[in-house]
Amino acid sequence: MPLTTDGTTERRSPVDMVSASVAFDGDPACIAEARDFAAGFLDRLTADHGQEVSGRAFAVTQLVVSELVTNVCKYAPGPCVLDLRLADRMVEVAVWDSDPVLPLPRTPEAGRVGQHGLEIVLAVSQGYEVRREPVGKRTRALIALQDDPGGAPSGMTPGVA
């Protein structure tokens, strides 16, 4: 069990510890496989753990997985690992790859075709971070499993990471 900062044992329910991982070789075919893996994970959250997942969250999670894995295939060829985890009513999508170069959002450019993946991830996620690892980097995005009760589309709150 995880320890808290004061050294006591943290108790978590089984639902809080739901996670799944899969490794890919970086072949472009893995993009569709990663989306399917994410869909299966979300289906299991509902079927096995009674966790409600909105249609928006289902689609957004697959979109984020697709964009992050596509970036690996395009800019960090080689192996990657997709980790999905239930994190306090959100799904955490984390992708590890072997390239230490951190992605940066591009400035808006009229007429630019493509290279909008990171912009899309930032627009639809409640949180985003990328950090170097001892080998490569890990990119994480958080997606709310339920829509805002007021009906507002979920996305990152301006100024909050």
N, C-alpha and C. Protein backbone atom coordinates (compact mmCIF):
# COMPACT_ATOMS: atom_id res chain seq x y z
N MET A 1 0.85 -1.19 0.00
CA MET A 1 0.00 0.00 0.00
C MET A 1 0.89 1.24 0.00
N PRO A 2 0.43 2.30 -0.67
CA PRO A 2 1.20 3.53 -0.69
C PRO A 2 1.29 4.15 0.70
N LEU A 3 2.39 4.84 0.94
CA LEU A 3 2.56 5.55 2.20
C LEU A 3 2.25 7.01 1.99
N THR A 4 1.70 7.65 3.02
CA THR A 4 1.46 9.08 2.97
C THR A 4 2.73 9.80 3.40
N THR A 5 2.71 11.12 3.32
CA THR A 5 3.90 11.89 3.69
C THR A 5 4.24 11.77 5.17
N ASP A 6 3.25 11.43 6.01
CA ASP A 6 3.55 11.28 7.44
C ASP A 6 3.93 9.84 7.80
N GLY A 7 4.07 8.96 6.78
CA GLY A 7 4.53 7.60 7.02
C GLY A 7 3.43 6.59 7.30
N THR A 8 2.17 7.04 7.37
CA THR A 8 1.07 6.11 7.61
C THR A 8 0.67 5.47 6.29
N THR A 9 -0.02 4.37 6.36
CA THR A 9 -0.47 3.67 5.16
C THR A 9 -1.73 4.31 4.63
N GLU A 10 -1.76 4.57 3.35
CA GLU A 10 -2.93 5.14 2.71
C GLU A 10 -3.85 4.01 2.27
N ARG A 11 -5.12 4.11 2.60
CA ARG A 11 -6.11 3.10 2.20
C ARG A 11 -6.80 3.59 0.93
N ARG A 12 -6.85 2.72 -0.05
CA ARG A 12 -7.54 3.04 -1.29
C ARG A 12 -8.53 1.94 -1.60
N SER A 13 -9.64 2.34 -2.20
CA SER A 13 -10.62 1.33 -2.61
C SER A 13 -10.11 0.66 -3.88
N PRO A 14 -10.60 -0.54 -4.18
CA PRO A 14 -10.18 -1.22 -5.41
C PRO A 14 -10.45 -0.40 -6.67
N VAL A 15 -11.53 0.40 -6.68
CA VAL A 15 -11.84 1.21 -7.84
C VAL A 15 -10.76 2.27 -8.06
N ASP A 16 -10.20 2.83 -6.97
CA ASP A 16 -9.16 3.85 -7.09
C ASP A 16 -7.87 3.30 -7.70
N MET A 17 -7.71 1.99 -7.70
CA MET A 17 -6.46 1.40 -8.17
C MET A 17 -6.62 0.71 -9.52
N VAL A 18 -7.67 1.03 -10.25
CA VAL A 18 -7.89 0.42 -11.55
C VAL A 18 -6.92 1.04 -12.56
N SER A 19 -6.15 0.18 -13.21
CA SER A 19 -5.20 0.66 -14.21
C SER A 19 -4.94 -0.44 -15.22
N ALA A 20 -4.40 -0.05 -16.34
CA ALA A 20 -4.02 -0.99 -17.39
C ALA A 20 -2.90 -0.38 -18.21
N SER A 21 -2.00 -1.22 -18.68
CA SER A 21 -0.86 -0.76 -19.48
C SER A 21 -0.67 -1.68 -20.67
N VAL A 22 -0.12 -1.11 -21.72
CA VAL A 22 0.21 -1.89 -22.90
C VAL A 22 1.43 -1.24 -23.57
N ALA A 23 2.31 -2.08 -24.10
CA ALA A 23 3.50 -1.60 -24.80
C ALA A 23 3.30 -1.77 -26.30
N PHE A 24 3.83 -0.83 -27.06
CA PHE A 24 3.76 -0.86 -28.51
C PHE A 24 5.16 -0.68 -29.08
N ASP A 25 5.35 -1.14 -30.31
CA ASP A 25 6.66 -1.02 -30.95
C ASP A 25 6.84 0.29 -31.70
N GLY A 26 5.81 1.10 -31.79
CA GLY A 26 5.91 2.39 -32.47
C GLY A 26 5.48 2.36 -33.92
N ASP A 27 5.06 1.20 -34.41
CA ASP A 27 4.53 1.09 -35.76
C ASP A 27 3.22 1.88 -35.83
N PRO A 28 2.96 2.61 -36.92
CA PRO A 28 1.72 3.40 -37.01
C PRO A 28 0.44 2.61 -36.76
N ALA A 29 0.44 1.30 -36.98
CA ALA A 29 -0.74 0.49 -36.70
C ALA A 29 -1.10 0.52 -35.22
N CYS A 30 -0.15 0.86 -34.37
CA CYS A 30 -0.42 0.86 -32.94
C CYS A 30 -1.35 2.00 -32.53
N ILE A 31 -1.54 3.00 -33.38
CA ILE A 31 -2.44 4.11 -33.03
C ILE A 31 -3.86 3.59 -32.87
N ALA A 32 -4.34 2.83 -33.82
CA ALA A 32 -5.69 2.24 -33.72
C ALA A 32 -5.76 1.24 -32.58
N GLU A 33 -4.70 0.46 -32.39
CA GLU A 33 -4.67 -0.50 -31.29
C GLU A 33 -4.76 0.23 -29.94
N ALA A 34 -4.09 1.37 -29.83
CA ALA A 34 -4.13 2.14 -28.58
C ALA A 34 -5.53 2.68 -28.32
N ARG A 35 -6.21 3.18 -29.36
CA ARG A 35 -7.60 3.65 -29.20
C ARG A 35 -8.50 2.52 -28.74
N ASP A 36 -8.34 1.34 -29.35
CA ASP A 36 -9.15 0.18 -28.97
C ASP A 36 -8.87 -0.24 -27.52
N PHE A 37 -7.60 -0.18 -27.13
CA PHE A 37 -7.22 -0.52 -25.76
C PHE A 37 -7.89 0.44 -24.78
N ALA A 38 -7.90 1.74 -25.11
CA ALA A 38 -8.55 2.74 -24.25
C ALA A 38 -10.05 2.48 -24.17
N ALA A 39 -10.68 2.15 -25.29
CA ALA A 39 -12.12 1.86 -25.28
C ALA A 39 -12.41 0.66 -24.39
N GLY A 40 -11.60 -0.38 -24.47
CA GLY A 40 -11.78 -1.54 -23.62
C GLY A 40 -11.62 -1.21 -22.15
N PHE A 41 -10.65 -0.36 -21.83
CA PHE A 41 -10.43 0.06 -20.44
C PHE A 41 -11.66 0.79 -19.91
N LEU A 42 -12.20 1.72 -20.70
CA LEU A 42 -13.39 2.47 -20.26
C LEU A 42 -14.61 1.56 -20.14
N ASP A 43 -14.74 0.61 -21.05
CA ASP A 43 -15.85 -0.35 -20.95
C ASP A 43 -15.75 -1.15 -19.65
N ARG A 44 -14.52 -1.56 -19.28
CA ARG A 44 -14.32 -2.31 -18.03
C ARG A 44 -14.61 -1.45 -16.80
N LEU A 45 -14.30 -0.15 -16.88
CA LEU A 45 -14.63 0.73 -15.75
C LEU A 45 -16.12 0.69 -15.46
N THR A 46 -16.91 0.68 -16.52
CA THR A 46 -18.37 0.65 -16.37
C THR A 46 -18.85 -0.75 -15.98
N ALA A 47 -18.46 -1.75 -16.74
CA ALA A 47 -18.97 -3.11 -16.54
C ALA A 47 -18.48 -3.74 -15.24
N ASP A 48 -17.21 -3.60 -14.93
CA ASP A 48 -16.63 -4.30 -13.78
C ASP A 48 -16.62 -3.47 -12.50
N HIS A 49 -16.65 -2.15 -12.63
CA HIS A 49 -16.48 -1.29 -11.45
C HIS A 49 -17.62 -0.30 -11.25
N GLY A 50 -18.63 -0.34 -12.11
CA GLY A 50 -19.78 0.53 -11.95
C GLY A 50 -19.47 2.01 -12.11
N GLN A 51 -18.37 2.33 -12.73
CA GLN A 51 -17.97 3.73 -12.91
C GLN A 51 -18.67 4.29 -14.14
N GLU A 52 -19.39 5.39 -13.99
CA GLU A 52 -20.06 6.00 -15.13
C GLU A 52 -19.05 6.76 -15.99
N VAL A 53 -19.15 6.56 -17.28
CA VAL A 53 -18.28 7.24 -18.25
C VAL A 53 -19.19 7.88 -19.28
N SER A 54 -19.16 9.21 -19.38
CA SER A 54 -20.02 9.89 -20.34
C SER A 54 -19.56 9.59 -21.76
N GLY A 55 -20.46 9.78 -22.71
CA GLY A 55 -20.10 9.61 -24.12
C GLY A 55 -18.98 10.55 -24.52
N ARG A 56 -19.02 11.78 -23.98
CA ARG A 56 -17.96 12.74 -24.26
C ARG A 56 -16.63 12.24 -23.74
N ALA A 57 -16.60 11.73 -22.52
CA ALA A 57 -15.35 11.24 -21.93
C ALA A 57 -14.81 10.06 -22.73
N PHE A 58 -15.70 9.20 -23.20
CA PHE A 58 -15.29 8.05 -23.99
C PHE A 58 -14.58 8.53 -25.27
N ALA A 59 -15.23 9.46 -25.98
CA ALA A 59 -14.67 9.97 -27.24
C ALA A 59 -13.39 10.77 -27.00
N VAL A 60 -13.38 11.60 -25.97
CA VAL A 60 -12.21 12.44 -25.69
C VAL A 60 -11.02 11.58 -25.28
N THR A 61 -11.26 10.55 -24.49
CA THR A 61 -10.15 9.67 -24.08
C THR A 61 -9.54 9.01 -25.30
N GLN A 62 -10.36 8.51 -26.19
CA GLN A 62 -9.83 7.90 -27.40
C GLN A 62 -9.07 8.92 -28.27
N LEU A 63 -9.58 10.14 -28.34
CA LEU A 63 -8.92 11.20 -29.10
C LEU A 63 -7.55 11.52 -28.51
N VAL A 64 -7.50 11.70 -27.18
CA VAL A 64 -6.23 12.02 -26.53
C VAL A 64 -5.22 10.89 -26.71
N VAL A 65 -5.66 9.65 -26.51
CA VAL A 65 -4.77 8.50 -26.71
C VAL A 65 -4.25 8.52 -28.15
N SER A 66 -5.13 8.73 -29.11
CA SER A 66 -4.75 8.74 -30.51
C SER A 66 -3.72 9.83 -30.79
N GLU A 67 -3.95 11.03 -30.28
CA GLU A 67 -3.02 12.14 -30.53
C GLU A 67 -1.67 11.89 -29.88
N LEU A 68 -1.65 11.42 -28.65
CA LEU A 68 -0.38 11.19 -27.96
C LEU A 68 0.42 10.06 -28.61
N VAL A 69 -0.25 8.98 -28.98
CA VAL A 69 0.46 7.86 -29.61
C VAL A 69 0.89 8.24 -31.03
N THR A 70 0.08 9.01 -31.73
CA THR A 70 0.48 9.50 -33.05
C THR A 70 1.75 10.32 -32.95
N ASN A 71 1.83 11.18 -31.94
CA ASN A 71 3.04 12.00 -31.76
C ASN A 71 4.27 11.11 -31.54
N VAL A 72 4.11 10.04 -30.79
CA VAL A 72 5.23 9.12 -30.59
C VAL A 72 5.65 8.53 -31.93
N CYS A 73 4.68 8.06 -32.71
CA CYS A 73 5.01 7.43 -34.00
C CYS A 73 5.70 8.41 -34.94
N LYS A 74 5.30 9.69 -34.90
CA LYS A 74 5.86 10.68 -35.81
C LYS A 74 7.20 11.24 -35.34
N TYR A 75 7.33 11.49 -34.04
CA TYR A 75 8.48 12.26 -33.55
C TYR A 75 9.42 11.49 -32.64
N ALA A 76 9.02 10.34 -32.17
CA ALA A 76 9.87 9.56 -31.26
C ALA A 76 9.79 8.09 -31.66
N PRO A 77 10.18 7.78 -32.89
CA PRO A 77 10.01 6.40 -33.34
C PRO A 77 10.69 5.41 -32.41
N GLY A 78 10.00 4.35 -32.18
CA GLY A 78 10.51 3.32 -31.27
C GLY A 78 9.42 2.90 -30.32
N PRO A 79 9.79 2.20 -29.28
CA PRO A 79 8.78 1.67 -28.36
C PRO A 79 8.09 2.77 -27.57
N CYS A 80 6.87 2.46 -27.15
CA CYS A 80 6.14 3.36 -26.25
C CYS A 80 5.26 2.51 -25.35
N VAL A 81 4.86 3.09 -24.23
CA VAL A 81 3.98 2.41 -23.28
C VAL A 81 2.81 3.33 -23.00
N LEU A 82 1.61 2.80 -23.10
CA LEU A 82 0.38 3.51 -22.78
C LEU A 82 -0.11 3.00 -21.44
N ASP A 83 -0.26 3.91 -20.47
CA ASP A 83 -0.81 3.59 -19.15
C ASP A 83 -2.12 4.33 -18.99
N LEU A 84 -3.16 3.63 -18.56
CA LEU A 84 -4.45 4.23 -18.25
C LEU A 84 -4.77 3.92 -16.81
N ARG A 85 -5.30 4.93 -16.09
CA ARG A 85 -5.56 4.74 -14.67
C ARG A 85 -6.75 5.59 -14.27
N LEU A 86 -7.60 5.01 -13.43
CA LEU A 86 -8.68 5.77 -12.82
C LEU A 86 -8.08 6.61 -11.71
N ALA A 87 -8.31 7.91 -11.77
CA ALA A 87 -7.72 8.83 -10.79
C ALA A 87 -8.78 9.84 -10.35
N ASP A 88 -9.49 9.51 -9.26
CA ASP A 88 -10.46 10.44 -8.69
C ASP A 88 -11.46 10.97 -9.72
N ARG A 89 -12.27 10.07 -10.26
CA ARG A 89 -13.31 10.38 -11.24
C ARG A 89 -12.77 10.95 -12.55
N MET A 90 -11.50 10.69 -12.79
CA MET A 90 -10.88 11.06 -14.06
C MET A 90 -10.11 9.85 -14.57
N VAL A 91 -9.88 9.84 -15.86
CA VAL A 91 -8.97 8.84 -16.41
C VAL A 91 -7.66 9.56 -16.70
N GLU A 92 -6.59 8.97 -16.22
CA GLU A 92 -5.26 9.50 -16.50
C GLU A 92 -4.70 8.71 -17.68
N VAL A 93 -4.34 9.42 -18.73
CA VAL A 93 -3.71 8.83 -19.90
C VAL A 93 -2.25 9.22 -19.84
N ALA A 94 -1.36 8.24 -19.79
CA ALA A 94 0.08 8.53 -19.77
C ALA A 94 0.75 7.72 -20.87
N VAL A 95 1.61 8.39 -21.61
CA VAL A 95 2.35 7.73 -22.68
C VAL A 95 3.83 7.97 -22.45
N TRP A 96 4.59 6.88 -22.36
CA TRP A 96 6.05 6.97 -22.25
C TRP A 96 6.64 6.66 -23.61
N ASP A 97 7.69 7.42 -23.97
CA ASP A 97 8.48 7.08 -25.16
C ASP A 97 9.95 7.33 -24.85
N SER A 98 10.82 6.87 -25.73
CA SER A 98 12.25 6.88 -25.45
C SER A 98 12.95 8.18 -25.84
N ASP A 99 12.25 9.13 -26.45
CA ASP A 99 12.87 10.39 -26.87
C ASP A 99 12.76 11.42 -25.74
N PRO A 100 13.89 12.00 -25.28
CA PRO A 100 13.83 12.96 -24.18
C PRO A 100 13.35 14.36 -24.57
N VAL A 101 13.18 14.63 -25.87
CA VAL A 101 12.77 15.96 -26.30
C VAL A 101 11.31 16.20 -25.92
N LEU A 102 11.06 17.29 -25.17
CA LEU A 102 9.70 17.60 -24.72
C LEU A 102 8.92 18.31 -25.83
N PRO A 103 7.67 17.93 -26.02
CA PRO A 103 6.85 18.59 -27.05
C PRO A 103 6.44 19.98 -26.57
N LEU A 104 6.33 20.90 -27.51
CA LEU A 104 5.88 22.25 -27.20
C LEU A 104 4.72 22.60 -28.11
N PRO A 105 3.70 23.27 -27.55
CA PRO A 105 2.59 23.68 -28.41
C PRO A 105 3.10 24.71 -29.42
N ARG A 106 2.61 24.64 -30.62
CA ARG A 106 3.01 25.58 -31.66
C ARG A 106 2.17 26.83 -31.59
N THR A 107 2.73 27.92 -32.03
CA THR A 107 1.97 29.16 -32.08
C THR A 107 0.97 29.09 -33.23
N PRO A 108 -0.17 29.75 -33.08
CA PRO A 108 -1.16 29.72 -34.15
C PRO A 108 -0.55 30.22 -35.47
N GLU A 109 -0.90 29.55 -36.53
CA GLU A 109 -0.35 29.87 -37.84
C GLU A 109 -1.45 29.68 -38.87
N ALA A 110 -1.87 30.77 -39.49
CA ALA A 110 -2.93 30.69 -40.49
C ALA A 110 -2.50 29.76 -41.62
N GLY A 111 -3.37 28.85 -41.99
CA GLY A 111 -3.09 27.96 -43.10
C GLY A 111 -2.27 26.74 -42.77
N ARG A 112 -1.83 26.60 -41.51
CA ARG A 112 -1.04 25.42 -41.15
C ARG A 112 -1.93 24.18 -41.23
N VAL A 113 -1.43 23.18 -41.89
CA VAL A 113 -2.14 21.91 -42.01
C VAL A 113 -1.40 20.91 -41.13
N GLY A 114 -2.12 20.30 -40.20
CA GLY A 114 -1.51 19.30 -39.33
C GLY A 114 -0.76 19.93 -38.18
N GLN A 115 -0.15 19.07 -37.38
CA GLN A 115 0.64 19.44 -36.21
C GLN A 115 -0.19 20.21 -35.17
N HIS A 116 -1.44 19.78 -34.99
CA HIS A 116 -2.33 20.38 -33.99
C HIS A 116 -2.58 19.44 -32.82
N GLY A 117 -1.93 18.27 -32.79
CA GLY A 117 -2.23 17.26 -31.79
C GLY A 117 -2.11 17.75 -30.36
N LEU A 118 -1.01 18.41 -30.03
CA LEU A 118 -0.83 18.89 -28.66
C LEU A 118 -1.86 19.97 -28.32
N GLU A 119 -2.18 20.82 -29.28
CA GLU A 119 -3.21 21.84 -29.06
C GLU A 119 -4.55 21.19 -28.72
N ILE A 120 -4.87 20.11 -29.43
CA ILE A 120 -6.12 19.40 -29.19
C ILE A 120 -6.12 18.80 -27.79
N VAL A 121 -5.03 18.13 -27.42
CA VAL A 121 -4.93 17.52 -26.09
C VAL A 121 -5.11 18.58 -25.00
N LEU A 122 -4.45 19.72 -25.16
CA LEU A 122 -4.56 20.80 -24.17
C LEU A 122 -5.99 21.34 -24.09
N ALA A 123 -6.69 21.39 -25.21
CA ALA A 123 -8.04 21.95 -25.24
C ALA A 123 -9.07 21.06 -24.58
N VAL A 124 -8.89 19.74 -24.63
CA VAL A 124 -9.93 18.83 -24.15
C VAL A 124 -9.62 18.17 -22.81
N SER A 125 -8.44 18.41 -22.27
CA SER A 125 -8.02 17.76 -21.02
C SER A 125 -8.19 18.70 -19.84
N GLN A 126 -8.43 18.10 -18.66
CA GLN A 126 -8.51 18.89 -17.43
C GLN A 126 -7.12 19.16 -16.86
N GLY A 127 -6.14 18.40 -17.28
CA GLY A 127 -4.78 18.60 -16.81
C GLY A 127 -3.82 17.97 -17.80
N TYR A 128 -2.62 18.51 -17.87
CA TYR A 128 -1.60 18.02 -18.79
C TYR A 128 -0.23 18.28 -18.18
N GLU A 129 0.65 17.32 -18.37
CA GLU A 129 2.05 17.54 -17.99
C GLU A 129 2.92 16.62 -18.83
N VAL A 130 4.15 17.04 -19.02
CA VAL A 130 5.14 16.20 -19.67
C VAL A 130 6.43 16.37 -18.89
N ARG A 131 7.10 15.26 -18.65
CA ARG A 131 8.36 15.34 -17.90
C ARG A 131 9.33 14.31 -18.42
N ARG A 132 10.59 14.68 -18.31
CA ARG A 132 11.64 13.74 -18.70
C ARG A 132 11.72 12.63 -17.66
N GLU A 133 12.06 11.46 -18.15
CA GLU A 133 12.27 10.28 -17.31
C GLU A 133 13.76 9.95 -17.41
N PRO A 134 14.26 9.02 -16.59
CA PRO A 134 15.66 8.62 -16.75
C PRO A 134 16.00 8.23 -18.20
N VAL A 135 15.03 7.63 -18.87
CA VAL A 135 15.14 7.37 -20.31
C VAL A 135 13.86 7.89 -20.93
N GLY A 136 13.96 8.84 -21.83
CA GLY A 136 12.80 9.34 -22.55
C GLY A 136 11.97 10.34 -21.76
N LYS A 137 10.66 10.29 -22.03
CA LYS A 137 9.73 11.22 -21.37
C LYS A 137 8.38 10.54 -21.18
N ARG A 138 7.57 11.12 -20.29
CA ARG A 138 6.21 10.65 -20.04
C ARG A 138 5.28 11.85 -20.17
N THR A 139 4.25 11.68 -21.00
CA THR A 139 3.25 12.71 -21.22
C THR A 139 1.96 12.24 -20.58
N ARG A 140 1.34 13.10 -19.75
CA ARG A 140 0.12 12.73 -19.04
C ARG A 140 -0.98 13.74 -19.32
N ALA A 141 -2.19 13.22 -19.45
CA ALA A 141 -3.38 14.07 -19.59
C ALA A 141 -4.48 13.49 -18.71
N LEU A 142 -5.28 14.36 -18.12
CA LEU A 142 -6.41 13.94 -17.29
C LEU A 142 -7.71 14.31 -17.99
N ILE A 143 -8.65 13.37 -17.99
CA ILE A 143 -9.94 13.58 -18.63
C ILE A 143 -11.04 13.22 -17.65
N ALA A 144 -11.95 14.16 -17.41
CA ALA A 144 -13.08 13.92 -16.51
C ALA A 144 -13.99 12.86 -17.10
N LEU A 145 -14.43 11.91 -16.26
CA LEU A 145 -15.30 10.84 -16.73
C LEU A 145 -16.75 11.29 -16.86
N GLN A 146 -17.11 12.36 -16.19
CA GLN A 146 -18.47 12.88 -16.26
C GLN A 146 -18.45 14.31 -16.75
N ASP A 147 -19.53 14.70 -17.44
CA ASP A 147 -19.66 16.07 -17.90
C ASP A 147 -19.98 16.97 -16.74
N ASP A 148 -19.73 18.24 -16.90
CA ASP A 148 -20.06 19.25 -15.91
C ASP A 148 -21.57 19.21 -15.67
N PRO A 149 -22.01 19.19 -14.40
CA PRO A 149 -23.45 19.12 -14.13
C PRO A 149 -24.23 20.24 -14.79
N GLY A 150 -23.61 21.37 -15.02
CA GLY A 150 -24.29 22.49 -15.68
C GLY A 150 -24.33 22.35 -17.18
N GLY A 151 -23.76 21.27 -17.70
CA GLY A 151 -23.79 21.05 -19.14
C GLY A 151 -22.64 21.67 -19.89
N ALA A 152 -21.75 22.37 -19.18
CA ALA A 152 -20.62 22.98 -19.86
C ALA A 152 -19.66 21.91 -20.36
N PRO A 153 -19.08 22.12 -21.53
CA PRO A 153 -18.10 21.15 -22.00
C PRO A 153 -16.88 21.15 -21.09
N SER A 154 -16.37 20.00 -20.84
CA SER A 154 -15.19 19.90 -19.99
C SER A 154 -13.96 20.23 -20.80
N GLY A 155 -13.01 20.78 -20.11
CA GLY A 155 -11.73 21.13 -20.72
C GLY A 155 -10.88 21.73 -19.65
N MET A 156 -9.66 22.06 -20.00
CA MET A 156 -8.74 22.61 -19.01
C MET A 156 -9.20 24.01 -18.64
N THR A 157 -9.27 24.29 -17.35
CA THR A 157 -9.62 25.61 -16.88
C THR A 157 -8.46 26.55 -17.17
N PRO A 158 -8.72 27.70 -17.81
CA PRO A 158 -7.62 28.62 -18.12
C PRO A 158 -6.79 28.94 -16.89
N GLY A 159 -5.49 28.85 -17.04
CA GLY A 159 -4.58 29.17 -15.94
C GLY A 159 -4.38 28.06 -14.94
N VAL A 160 -5.03 26.91 -15.13
CA VAL A 160 -4.89 25.78 -14.21
C VAL A 160 -4.27 24.62 -14.97
N ALA A 161 -3.20 24.07 -14.43
CA ALA A 161 -2.56 22.92 -15.10
C ALA A 161 -2.80 21.67 -14.31
